C-alpha atoms as a PDB file:
ATOM      1  CA  MET A   1      32.541  27.829  36.686  1.00  0.00           C
ATOM      2  CA  LYS A   2      32.045  24.095  36.870  1.00  0.00           C
ATOM      3  CA  SER A   3      28.360  24.390  37.587  1.00  0.00           C
ATOM      4  CA  PRO A   4      27.344  26.377  34.437  1.00  0.00           C
ATOM      5  CA  LEU A   5      29.405  24.054  32.222  1.00  0.00           C
ATOM      6  CA  ALA A   6      27.823  20.972  33.778  1.00  0.00           C
ATOM      7  CA  ALA A   7      24.372  22.501  33.351  1.00  0.00           C
ATOM      8  CA  LEU A   8      25.119  23.257  29.683  1.00  0.00           C
ATOM      9  CA  CYS A   9      26.293  19.685  29.077  1.00  0.00           C
ATOM     10  CA  LEU A  10      23.219  18.287  30.812  1.00  0.00           C
ATOM     11  CA  LEU A  11      20.963  20.568  28.759  1.00  0.00           C
ATOM     12  CA  SER A  12      22.676  19.446  25.535  1.00  0.00           C
ATOM     13  CA  VAL A  13      22.193  15.783  26.414  1.00  0.00           C
ATOM     14  CA  LEU A  14      18.531  16.351  27.292  1.00  0.00           C
ATOM     15  CA  CYS A  15      17.903  18.220  24.024  1.00  0.00           C
ATOM     16  CA  ALA A  16      19.550  15.440  22.030  1.00  0.00           C
ATOM     17  CA  CYS A  17      17.379  12.837  23.759  1.00  0.00           C
ATOM     18  CA  ALA A  18      14.226  14.837  23.204  1.00  0.00           C
ATOM     19  CA  ALA A  19      15.047  15.454  19.541  1.00  0.00           C
ATOM     20  CA  SER A  20      15.666  11.825  18.612  1.00  0.00           C
ATOM     21  CA  ARG A  21      12.422  10.007  18.013  1.00  0.00           C
ATOM     22  CA  PRO A  22      12.153   6.306  17.297  1.00  0.00           C
ATOM     23  CA  ASP A  23      10.932   5.229  13.878  1.00  0.00           C
ATOM     24  CA  ARG A  24       7.595   3.397  13.803  1.00  0.00           C
ATOM     25  CA  PHE A  25       6.827   0.927  11.016  1.00  0.00           C
ATOM     26  CA  TYR A  26       3.496   0.021   9.404  1.00  0.00           C
ATOM     27  CA  VAL A  27       2.265  -2.746   7.120  1.00  0.00           C
ATOM     28  CA  LEU A  28      -0.711  -3.172   4.828  1.00  0.00           C
ATOM     29  CA  SER A  29      -3.237  -5.905   5.562  1.00  0.00           C
ATOM     30  CA  VAL A  30      -5.364  -8.218   3.474  1.00  0.00           C
ATOM     31  CA  GLN A  31      -9.046  -7.328   3.517  1.00  0.00           C
ATOM     32  CA  PRO A  32     -11.358  -8.720   4.649  1.00  0.00           C
ATOM     33  CA  PRO A  33      -9.384 -10.256   7.502  1.00  0.00           C
ATOM     34  CA  GLY A  34      -9.802 -13.927   8.260  1.00  0.00           C
ATOM     35  CA  SER A  35      -8.524 -17.287   7.143  1.00  0.00           C
ATOM     36  CA  VAL A  36      -8.052 -18.287   3.539  1.00  0.00           C
ATOM     37  CA  GLN A  37      -9.669 -21.409   2.112  1.00  0.00           C
ATOM     38  CA  ALA A  38      -7.271 -24.223   1.366  1.00  0.00           C
ATOM     39  CA  ARG A  39      -6.729 -24.638  -2.341  1.00  0.00           C
ATOM     40  CA  THR A  40      -5.896 -27.867  -4.082  1.00  0.00           C
ATOM     41  CA  SER A  41      -4.579 -26.497  -7.349  1.00  0.00           C
ATOM     42  CA  PRO A  42      -5.263 -23.114  -8.894  1.00  0.00           C
ATOM     43  CA  ALA A  43      -6.919 -23.097 -12.305  1.00  0.00           C
ATOM     44  CA  THR A  44      -5.801 -19.585 -13.205  1.00  0.00           C
ATOM     45  CA  GLU A  45      -2.368 -18.063 -12.806  1.00  0.00           C
ATOM     46  CA  VAL A  46      -2.289 -14.269 -12.673  1.00  0.00           C
ATOM     47  CA  SER A  47       0.749 -12.070 -13.191  1.00  0.00           C
ATOM     48  CA  LEU A  48       0.402  -8.790 -11.269  1.00  0.00           C
ATOM     49  CA  LYS A  49       2.547  -5.757 -12.032  1.00  0.00           C
ATOM     50  CA  VAL A  50       2.122  -2.516 -10.046  1.00  0.00           C
ATOM     51  CA  ALA A  51       3.640   0.904 -10.770  1.00  0.00           C
ATOM     52  CA  LEU A  52       3.495   3.697  -8.157  1.00  0.00           C
ATOM     53  CA  PRO A  53       4.123   7.427  -8.526  1.00  0.00           C
ATOM     54  CA  SER A  54       7.624   8.293  -7.327  1.00  0.00           C
ATOM     55  CA  MET A  55       6.307  10.795  -4.792  1.00  0.00           C
ATOM     56  CA  VAL A  56       4.713   8.044  -2.671  1.00  0.00           C
ATOM     57  CA  ASP A  57       7.028   5.152  -3.522  1.00  0.00           C
ATOM     58  CA  ARG A  58       9.324   5.767  -0.580  1.00  0.00           C
ATOM     59  CA  GLY A  59       9.907   4.490   2.942  1.00  0.00           C
ATOM     60  CA  GLU A  60       8.221   7.385   4.715  1.00  0.00           C
ATOM     61  CA  MET A  61       4.477   7.964   4.872  1.00  0.00           C
ATOM     62  CA  ILE A  62       3.301  11.029   2.949  1.00  0.00           C
ATOM     63  CA  ILE A  63       0.367  13.188   4.121  1.00  0.00           C
ATOM     64  CA  GLN A  64      -1.284  15.718   1.843  1.00  0.00           C
ATOM     65  CA  THR A  65      -1.567  18.998   3.757  1.00  0.00           C
ATOM     66  CA  SER A  66      -3.182  21.135   1.048  1.00  0.00           C
ATOM     67  CA  ALA A  67      -3.855  21.083  -2.683  1.00  0.00           C
ATOM     68  CA  ASP A  68      -0.197  21.955  -3.293  1.00  0.00           C
ATOM     69  CA  GLY A  69       1.525  20.662  -0.169  1.00  0.00           C
ATOM     70  CA  VAL A  70       2.618  17.400   1.389  1.00  0.00           C
ATOM     71  CA  ARG A  71       4.342  16.449   4.604  1.00  0.00           C
ATOM     72  CA  VAL A  72       6.913  13.658   4.685  1.00  0.00           C
ATOM     73  CA  LEU A  73       6.626  11.795   7.977  1.00  0.00           C
ATOM     74  CA  GLU A  74      10.248  10.971   8.684  1.00  0.00           C
ATOM     75  CA  HIS A  75       9.549   8.660  11.652  1.00  0.00           C
ATOM     76  CA  GLU A  76       6.333   7.030  10.370  1.00  0.00           C
ATOM     77  CA  ARG A  77       7.615   4.489   7.862  1.00  0.00           C
ATOM     78  CA  TRP A  78       6.452   1.570   5.752  1.00  0.00           C
ATOM     79  CA  ALA A  79       7.950  -1.725   6.955  1.00  0.00           C
ATOM     80  CA  ALA A  80       8.964  -2.708   3.391  1.00  0.00           C
ATOM     81  CA  PRO A  81       9.156  -0.968   0.019  1.00  0.00           C
ATOM     82  CA  LEU A  82       5.645   0.356  -0.597  1.00  0.00           C
ATOM     83  CA  ALA A  83       5.405  -1.021  -4.158  1.00  0.00           C
ATOM     84  CA  ASP A  84       6.253  -4.501  -2.844  1.00  0.00           C
ATOM     85  CA  MET A  85       3.736  -4.273   0.013  1.00  0.00           C
ATOM     86  CA  ILE A  86       0.973  -3.045  -2.305  1.00  0.00           C
ATOM     87  CA  THR A  87       1.673  -5.810  -4.832  1.00  0.00           C
ATOM     88  CA  GLU A  88       1.714  -8.514  -2.145  1.00  0.00           C
ATOM     89  CA  THR A  89      -1.387  -7.232  -0.338  1.00  0.00           C
ATOM     90  CA  LEU A  90      -3.353  -6.844  -3.556  1.00  0.00           C
ATOM     91  CA  ALA A  91      -2.285 -10.335  -4.696  1.00  0.00           C
ATOM     92  CA  ARG A  92      -3.587 -11.866  -1.461  1.00  0.00           C
ATOM     93  CA  ASP A  93      -6.788  -9.743  -1.720  1.00  0.00           C
ATOM     94  CA  LEU A  94      -7.423 -11.161  -5.209  1.00  0.00           C
ATOM     95  CA  GLU A  95      -6.764 -14.739  -4.102  1.00  0.00           C
ATOM     96  CA  ARG A  96      -9.086 -14.289  -1.132  1.00  0.00           C
ATOM     97  CA  ARG A  97     -11.892 -13.291  -3.506  1.00  0.00           C
ATOM     98  CA  ARG A  98     -11.357 -16.167  -5.957  1.00  0.00           C
ATOM     99  CA  ALA A  99      -9.965 -19.458  -4.667  1.00  0.00           C
ATOM    100  CA  ASP A 100      -9.040 -20.548  -8.223  1.00  0.00           C
ATOM    101  CA  LEU A 101      -6.417 -17.777  -8.583  1.00  0.00           C
ATOM    102  CA  LEU A 102      -2.700 -17.953  -7.932  1.00  0.00           C
ATOM    103  CA  VAL A 103      -1.245 -14.453  -8.170  1.00  0.00           C
ATOM    104  CA  THR A 104       2.475 -14.018  -8.770  1.00  0.00           C
ATOM    105  CA  GLY A 105       4.711 -11.066  -9.488  1.00  0.00           C
ATOM    106  CA  ALA A 106       5.336 -10.048 -13.063  1.00  0.00           C
ATOM    107  CA  GLY A 107       7.521 -12.550 -14.899  1.00  0.00           C
ATOM    108  CA  ARG A 108       7.366 -15.292 -12.231  1.00  0.00           C
ATOM    109  CA  ALA A 109       4.570 -17.475 -13.591  1.00  0.00           C
ATOM    110  CA  SER A 110       4.792 -20.192 -16.207  1.00  0.00           C
ATOM    111  CA  GLY A 111       2.392 -21.049 -18.988  1.00  0.00           C
ATOM    112  CA  PRO A 112      -0.650 -19.095 -20.171  1.00  0.00           C
ATOM    113  CA  LEU A 113      -1.717 -16.618 -17.573  1.00  0.00           C
ATOM    114  CA  VAL A 114      -3.864 -13.603 -16.978  1.00  0.00           C
ATOM    115  CA  LYS A 115      -1.819 -10.405 -16.873  1.00  0.00           C
ATOM    116  CA  ILE A 116      -2.869  -7.464 -14.733  1.00  0.00           C
ATOM    117  CA  ASN A 117      -0.877  -4.260 -15.135  1.00  0.00           C
ATOM    118  CA  LEU A 118      -1.767  -1.541 -12.646  1.00  0.00           C
ATOM    119  CA  GLU A 119      -0.624   2.034 -12.724  1.00  0.00           C
ATOM    120  CA  PHE A 120      -1.369   4.106  -9.656  1.00  0.00           C
ATOM    121  CA  LEU A 121      -1.828   7.681 -10.837  1.00  0.00           C
ATOM    122  CA  GLN A 122      -2.090   9.025  -7.317  1.00  0.00           C
ATOM    123  CA  MET A 123      -2.205   7.874  -3.739  1.00  0.00           C
ATOM    124  CA  THR A 124      -3.387  10.538  -1.337  1.00  0.00           C
ATOM    125  CA  VAL A 125      -3.821  10.523   2.432  1.00  0.00           C
ATOM    126  CA  ARG A 126      -5.393  13.361   4.353  1.00  0.00           C
ATOM    127  CA  GLN A 127      -4.902  12.912   8.101  1.00  0.00           C
ATOM    128  CA  GLY A 128      -8.268  12.911   9.834  1.00  0.00           C
ATOM    129  CA  GLY A 129      -9.925  12.461   6.432  1.00  0.00           C
ATOM    130  CA  THR A 130      -9.547   9.812   3.776  1.00  0.00           C
ATOM    131  CA  ALA A 131      -7.055   7.731   1.874  1.00  0.00           C
ATOM    132  CA  SER A 132      -7.577   7.490  -1.863  1.00  0.00           C
ATOM    133  CA  ILE A 133      -5.972   5.639  -4.725  1.00  0.00           C
ATOM    134  CA  GLU A 134      -6.549   6.436  -8.377  1.00  0.00           C
ATOM    135  CA  ALA A 135      -5.567   3.448 -10.481  1.00  0.00           C
ATOM    136  CA  HIS A 136      -5.698   2.469 -14.140  1.00  0.00           C
ATOM    137  CA  TRP A 137      -5.503  -1.172 -15.133  1.00  0.00           C
ATOM    138  CA  HIS A 138      -5.086  -3.392 -18.118  1.00  0.00           C
ATOM    139  CA  ILE A 139      -6.227  -7.004 -17.793  1.00  0.00           C
ATOM    140  CA  LEU A 140      -5.256  -9.404 -20.559  1.00  0.00           C
ATOM    141  CA  ASP A 141      -6.459 -13.023 -20.593  1.00  0.00           C
ATOM    142  CA  PRO A 142      -4.873 -14.790 -23.583  1.00  0.00           C
ATOM    143  CA  ARG A 143      -6.912 -17.956 -22.957  1.00  0.00           C
ATOM    144  CA  SER A 144     -10.250 -16.205 -23.549  1.00  0.00           C
ATOM    145  CA  GLY A 145      -9.008 -13.271 -25.592  1.00  0.00           C
ATOM    146  CA  LYS A 146     -10.467 -10.878 -23.013  1.00  0.00           C
ATOM    147  CA  ASP A 147      -8.732  -7.476 -22.965  1.00  0.00           C
ATOM    148  CA  VAL A 148     -10.058  -5.001 -20.390  1.00  0.00           C
ATOM    149  CA  VAL A 149      -8.844  -1.477 -19.729  1.00  0.00           C
ATOM    150  CA  GLY A 150     -10.268   0.557 -16.869  1.00  0.00           C
ATOM    151  CA  GLY A 151      -9.629   2.997 -14.107  1.00  0.00           C
ATOM    152  CA  GLU A 152     -11.248   4.366 -10.993  1.00  0.00           C
ATOM    153  CA  LEU A 153     -10.716   6.352  -7.810  1.00  0.00           C
ATOM    154  CA  PHE A 154     -11.062   4.349  -4.569  1.00  0.00           C
ATOM    155  CA  SER A 155     -11.457   6.132  -1.219  1.00  0.00           C
ATOM    156  CA  THR A 156     -11.679   4.937   2.362  1.00  0.00           C
ATOM    157  CA  PRO A 157     -12.116   7.086   5.473  1.00  0.00           C
ATOM    158  CA  LEU A 158      -9.439   6.873   8.140  1.00  0.00           C
ATOM    159  CA  SER A 159     -10.916   4.871  11.014  1.00  0.00           C
ATOM    160  CA  THR A 160      -8.539   6.378  13.546  1.00  0.00           C
ATOM    161  CA  ASP A 161      -6.598   9.624  13.641  1.00  0.00           C
ATOM    162  CA  ASP A 162      -3.253   7.924  14.163  1.00  0.00           C
ATOM    163  CA  TYR A 163      -0.725   6.632  11.651  1.00  0.00           C
ATOM    164  CA  ALA A 164      -1.907   3.027  11.926  1.00  0.00           C
ATOM    165  CA  GLY A 165      -5.240   4.371  10.632  1.00  0.00           C
ATOM    166  CA  ILE A 166      -3.439   5.452   7.460  1.00  0.00           C
ATOM    167  CA  ALA A 167      -2.196   1.905   6.829  1.00  0.00           C
ATOM    168  CA  GLN A 168      -5.701   0.530   7.490  1.00  0.00           C
ATOM    169  CA  ALA A 169      -7.300   3.024   5.095  1.00  0.00           C
ATOM    170  CA  VAL A 170      -4.790   2.288   2.317  1.00  0.00           C
ATOM    171  CA  SER A 171      -5.497  -1.430   2.857  1.00  0.00           C
ATOM    172  CA  GLY A 172      -9.208  -0.627   2.513  1.00  0.00           C
ATOM    173  CA  CYS A 173      -8.579   1.131  -0.809  1.00  0.00           C
ATOM    174  CA  LEU A 174      -6.675  -1.914  -2.059  1.00  0.00           C
ATOM    175  CA  SER A 175      -9.605  -4.107  -1.019  1.00  0.00           C
ATOM    176  CA  LEU A 176     -11.981  -1.971  -3.108  1.00  0.00           C
ATOM    177  CA  LEU A 177      -9.557  -2.170  -6.022  1.00  0.00           C
ATOM    178  CA  ALA A 178      -9.419  -5.978  -5.685  1.00  0.00           C
ATOM    179  CA  ASP A 179     -13.238  -6.122  -5.799  1.00  0.00           C
ATOM    180  CA  ARG A 180     -13.228  -4.089  -9.023  1.00  0.00           C
ATOM    181  CA  LEU A 181     -10.480  -6.172 -10.649  1.00  0.00           C
ATOM    182  CA  ILE A 182     -12.292  -9.429  -9.851  1.00  0.00           C
ATOM    183  CA  ALA A 183     -15.477  -7.991 -11.386  1.00  0.00           C
ATOM    184  CA  GLN A 184     -13.491  -7.032 -14.515  1.00  0.00           C
ATOM    185  CA  MET A 185     -11.948 -10.504 -14.850  1.00  0.00           C
END
C-alpha cells in the first residue's frame, strides 16, 4: 500500500515541477546600437505621447496566429509596461538621430516645445515572420507653426525564431518610425 501512494506523490511532485515554467523578460533596444554623442545643451525640447491598443498593452507578449487569432505568451513577458518601454525607446531613437533634441514624456517639458502625439493602431508579431507597427502621428511645432499629420505601416523581419527576436524586430520597427518622424520634423 505504501509503495503506490509514494509513487502517486512522487508523480504529483514531478508533474507540478514540469508544469511550472519560469517567466522570461524582454526589453526593447535603441537602434542603431552604439554610443550617443555628448550634448552640451539641446536646442529643441520634444514632448512625446504614445497610445497603444489595449490588446498589446500588457505584460505578456502577443503573437498573431491567424487573421482572427492571437496567442498570449504567459511566460514570455515585457520587462516593463510596454507603453513605457516604447515611449522611452522611441525617445532615445529620436535623440540618437538628432543631437539637438531632448525628448521628454508628455507634460514634463517646460517652455515652447515640439509635441509629437503617436497612436499605434496595431502592433502585430507573427512568429517566424515579421513584426509590424501601424502608427498615426501628429507633430506640432509652435515655434515654426509647422503642423504635420501622417501615418504609416512599419515592418521588420524577425532575425531569429525565438522570443528575443520578437523584441529585436519591434525595436527595428520603432527605429523605422523614428526615421520617419525625424524626416517629418
